[in-house]
N, C-alpha and C. Protein backbone atom coordinates (compact mmCIF):
# COMPACT_ATOMS: atom_id res chain seq x y z
N UNK A 1 6.60 64.96 9.23
CA UNK A 1 5.21 64.90 9.63
C UNK A 1 4.93 65.89 10.75
N UNK A 2 5.85 65.96 11.73
CA UNK A 2 5.66 66.86 12.87
C UNK A 2 5.53 68.32 12.39
N UNK A 3 6.42 68.74 11.51
CA UNK A 3 6.40 70.11 11.01
C UNK A 3 5.13 70.42 10.25
N UNK A 4 4.67 69.48 9.47
CA UNK A 4 3.43 69.67 8.71
C UNK A 4 2.23 69.80 9.63
N UNK A 5 2.14 68.92 10.60
CA UNK A 5 0.98 68.93 11.50
C UNK A 5 0.95 70.12 12.45
N UNK A 6 2.12 70.71 12.73
CA UNK A 6 2.17 71.86 13.64
C UNK A 6 2.40 73.17 12.91
N UNK A 7 2.61 73.10 11.59
CA UNK A 7 2.93 74.29 10.78
C UNK A 7 4.13 75.03 11.36
N UNK A 8 5.14 74.25 11.78
CA UNK A 8 6.35 74.84 12.35
C UNK A 8 7.56 74.52 11.48
N UNK A 9 8.60 75.29 11.66
CA UNK A 9 9.83 75.14 10.89
C UNK A 9 10.79 74.19 11.60
N UNK A 10 11.71 73.60 10.83
CA UNK A 10 12.66 72.64 11.37
C UNK A 10 13.42 73.21 12.56
N UNK A 11 13.92 74.45 12.44
CA UNK A 11 14.70 75.03 13.54
C UNK A 11 13.83 75.35 14.75
N UNK A 12 12.51 75.28 14.61
CA UNK A 12 11.61 75.48 15.74
C UNK A 12 11.30 74.16 16.43
N UNK A 13 11.10 73.08 15.66
CA UNK A 13 10.65 71.84 16.29
C UNK A 13 11.76 70.84 16.59
N UNK A 14 12.87 70.84 15.88
CA UNK A 14 13.93 69.87 16.18
C UNK A 14 14.45 70.02 17.61
N UNK A 15 14.65 71.25 18.11
CA UNK A 15 15.12 71.36 19.50
C UNK A 15 14.00 71.30 20.55
N UNK A 16 12.80 70.89 20.16
CA UNK A 16 11.68 70.82 21.11
C UNK A 16 11.97 69.79 22.20
N UNK A 17 11.57 70.14 23.41
CA UNK A 17 11.75 69.26 24.56
C UNK A 17 10.39 68.85 25.10
N UNK A 18 10.32 67.70 25.69
CA UNK A 18 9.05 67.18 26.19
C UNK A 18 8.39 68.11 27.19
N UNK A 19 9.18 68.81 28.00
CA UNK A 19 8.57 69.67 29.02
C UNK A 19 7.84 70.88 28.42
N UNK A 20 8.01 71.13 27.12
CA UNK A 20 7.29 72.22 26.45
C UNK A 20 5.85 71.83 26.12
N UNK A 21 5.48 70.56 26.30
CA UNK A 21 4.17 70.07 25.91
C UNK A 21 3.27 69.89 27.12
N UNK A 22 2.07 70.46 27.02
CA UNK A 22 1.05 70.30 28.06
C UNK A 22 -0.09 69.52 27.42
N UNK A 23 -0.12 68.21 27.68
CA UNK A 23 -1.12 67.36 27.05
C UNK A 23 -2.51 67.55 27.64
N UNK A 24 -2.59 67.99 28.88
CA UNK A 24 -3.89 68.27 29.48
C UNK A 24 -4.57 69.45 28.79
N UNK A 25 -3.78 70.49 28.52
CA UNK A 25 -4.31 71.68 27.84
C UNK A 25 -4.26 71.55 26.32
N UNK A 26 -3.50 70.56 25.83
CA UNK A 26 -3.39 70.36 24.39
C UNK A 26 -2.58 71.45 23.70
N UNK A 27 -1.47 71.86 24.34
CA UNK A 27 -0.67 72.98 23.83
C UNK A 27 0.81 72.62 23.84
N UNK A 28 1.50 73.03 22.78
CA UNK A 28 2.97 73.01 22.75
C UNK A 28 3.40 74.46 22.87
N UNK A 29 4.14 74.79 23.90
CA UNK A 29 4.61 76.16 24.13
C UNK A 29 6.09 76.25 23.78
N UNK A 30 6.35 76.73 22.57
CA UNK A 30 7.71 76.87 22.06
C UNK A 30 8.35 78.12 22.68
N UNK A 31 9.61 78.00 23.10
CA UNK A 31 10.28 79.13 23.71
C UNK A 31 10.43 80.30 22.73
N UNK A 32 10.45 81.49 23.26
CA UNK A 32 10.54 82.70 22.43
C UNK A 32 11.81 82.73 21.59
N UNK A 33 12.90 82.19 22.09
CA UNK A 33 14.17 82.23 21.39
C UNK A 33 14.19 81.49 20.06
N UNK A 34 13.25 80.59 19.84
CA UNK A 34 13.20 79.84 18.59
C UNK A 34 12.24 80.44 17.57
N UNK A 35 11.56 81.50 17.93
CA UNK A 35 10.58 82.11 17.02
C UNK A 35 11.28 82.84 15.87
N UNK A 36 10.82 82.60 14.66
CA UNK A 36 11.39 83.29 13.50
C UNK A 36 11.05 84.78 13.52
N UNK A 37 9.88 85.12 14.04
CA UNK A 37 9.44 86.52 14.05
C UNK A 37 10.07 87.35 15.17
N UNK A 38 10.92 86.73 15.99
CA UNK A 38 11.68 87.40 17.05
C UNK A 38 10.81 88.01 18.16
N UNK A 39 9.55 87.63 18.26
CA UNK A 39 8.71 88.13 19.35
C UNK A 39 9.24 87.57 20.66
N UNK A 40 9.07 88.31 21.73
CA UNK A 40 9.70 87.99 23.00
C UNK A 40 8.83 87.13 23.93
N UNK A 41 7.79 86.53 23.39
CA UNK A 41 6.96 85.66 24.21
C UNK A 41 6.84 84.30 23.52
N UNK A 42 6.55 83.26 24.31
CA UNK A 42 6.47 81.91 23.74
C UNK A 42 5.37 81.81 22.68
N UNK A 43 5.57 80.92 21.74
CA UNK A 43 4.57 80.64 20.71
C UNK A 43 3.80 79.40 21.14
N UNK A 44 2.49 79.48 21.17
CA UNK A 44 1.65 78.36 21.60
C UNK A 44 1.01 77.71 20.39
N UNK A 45 1.24 76.41 20.28
CA UNK A 45 0.74 75.64 19.14
C UNK A 45 -0.25 74.61 19.67
N UNK A 46 -1.50 74.61 19.17
CA UNK A 46 -2.46 73.60 19.61
C UNK A 46 -2.06 72.21 19.12
N UNK A 47 -2.29 71.22 19.96
CA UNK A 47 -1.97 69.84 19.61
C UNK A 47 -3.24 69.15 19.11
N UNK A 48 -3.27 68.87 17.80
CA UNK A 48 -4.43 68.16 17.25
C UNK A 48 -4.23 66.65 17.39
N UNK A 49 -5.22 65.88 17.02
CA UNK A 49 -5.15 64.42 17.18
C UNK A 49 -4.01 63.81 16.36
N UNK A 50 -3.75 64.36 15.17
CA UNK A 50 -2.67 63.84 14.34
C UNK A 50 -1.32 63.99 15.01
N UNK A 51 -1.06 65.15 15.57
CA UNK A 51 0.24 65.36 16.22
C UNK A 51 0.35 64.53 17.50
N UNK A 52 -0.75 64.35 18.19
CA UNK A 52 -0.73 63.50 19.39
C UNK A 52 -0.37 62.06 19.02
N UNK A 53 -0.87 61.58 17.88
CA UNK A 53 -0.53 60.22 17.43
C UNK A 53 0.96 60.13 17.09
N UNK A 54 1.51 61.16 16.45
CA UNK A 54 2.95 61.18 16.14
C UNK A 54 3.75 61.15 17.44
N UNK A 55 3.39 61.98 18.40
CA UNK A 55 4.11 62.05 19.66
C UNK A 55 4.04 60.73 20.42
N UNK A 56 2.91 60.05 20.35
CA UNK A 56 2.76 58.76 21.03
C UNK A 56 3.70 57.70 20.48
N UNK A 57 4.15 57.86 19.24
CA UNK A 57 5.05 56.88 18.62
C UNK A 57 6.53 57.12 18.94
N UNK A 58 6.85 58.27 19.50
CA UNK A 58 8.25 58.56 19.81
C UNK A 58 8.71 57.69 20.98
N UNK A 59 9.98 57.27 20.97
CA UNK A 59 10.45 56.27 21.92
C UNK A 59 10.64 56.73 23.36
N UNK A 60 10.64 58.01 23.62
CA UNK A 60 10.90 58.48 24.98
C UNK A 60 9.96 59.63 25.33
N UNK A 61 9.87 59.93 26.60
CA UNK A 61 9.06 61.05 27.08
C UNK A 61 9.89 61.99 27.94
N UNK A 62 11.20 62.05 27.67
CA UNK A 62 12.06 62.95 28.42
C UNK A 62 13.11 63.54 27.49
N UNK A 63 13.63 64.70 27.85
CA UNK A 63 14.64 65.36 27.03
C UNK A 63 14.07 65.89 25.73
N UNK A 64 14.86 65.78 24.67
CA UNK A 64 14.44 66.24 23.35
C UNK A 64 13.50 65.25 22.69
N UNK A 65 12.54 65.75 21.92
CA UNK A 65 11.66 64.86 21.16
C UNK A 65 12.46 64.10 20.11
N UNK A 66 13.32 64.82 19.39
CA UNK A 66 14.05 64.25 18.27
C UNK A 66 15.53 64.17 18.64
N UNK A 67 15.97 62.98 18.98
CA UNK A 67 17.35 62.79 19.41
C UNK A 67 18.14 62.08 18.34
N UNK A 68 19.41 62.44 18.24
CA UNK A 68 20.30 61.75 17.32
C UNK A 68 20.85 60.51 18.00
N UNK A 69 21.62 59.73 17.29
CA UNK A 69 22.24 58.55 17.90
C UNK A 69 23.22 58.95 19.00
N UNK A 70 23.64 60.20 19.00
CA UNK A 70 24.52 60.71 20.05
C UNK A 70 23.75 61.16 21.28
N UNK A 71 22.39 61.16 21.18
CA UNK A 71 21.57 61.53 22.31
C UNK A 71 21.32 63.02 22.44
N UNK A 72 21.81 63.83 21.49
CA UNK A 72 21.55 65.27 21.58
C UNK A 72 20.40 65.65 20.65
N UNK A 73 20.22 66.92 20.42
CA UNK A 73 19.10 67.37 19.60
C UNK A 73 19.55 67.68 18.17
N UNK A 74 20.33 66.80 17.60
CA UNK A 74 20.76 66.89 16.20
C UNK A 74 21.62 68.11 15.91
N UNK A 75 22.28 68.62 16.95
CA UNK A 75 23.21 69.73 16.75
C UNK A 75 22.58 71.10 16.73
N UNK A 76 21.25 71.20 16.90
CA UNK A 76 20.60 72.51 16.94
C UNK A 76 20.46 72.94 18.39
N UNK A 77 20.59 74.21 18.62
CA UNK A 77 20.46 74.71 19.99
C UNK A 77 19.08 75.26 20.22
N UNK A 78 18.53 75.06 21.42
CA UNK A 78 17.19 75.57 21.71
C UNK A 78 17.18 77.08 21.82
């Protein structure tokens, strides 16, 4: 659901961290290192109401959005 609502790829959103999200501005700022197009600046994704509802259902507001049972980011590096 997250990938669909943000039009992002798995390797872009699985390592997402809460500090990348600015809820006041309604923006997710993905680090440049995760961009498929290799551009050297962060990618800014607007947060629509659907994605905000998904984020509100996640169990924590610190570290990685998507954590494995081991507490890491499912083995993907940011």
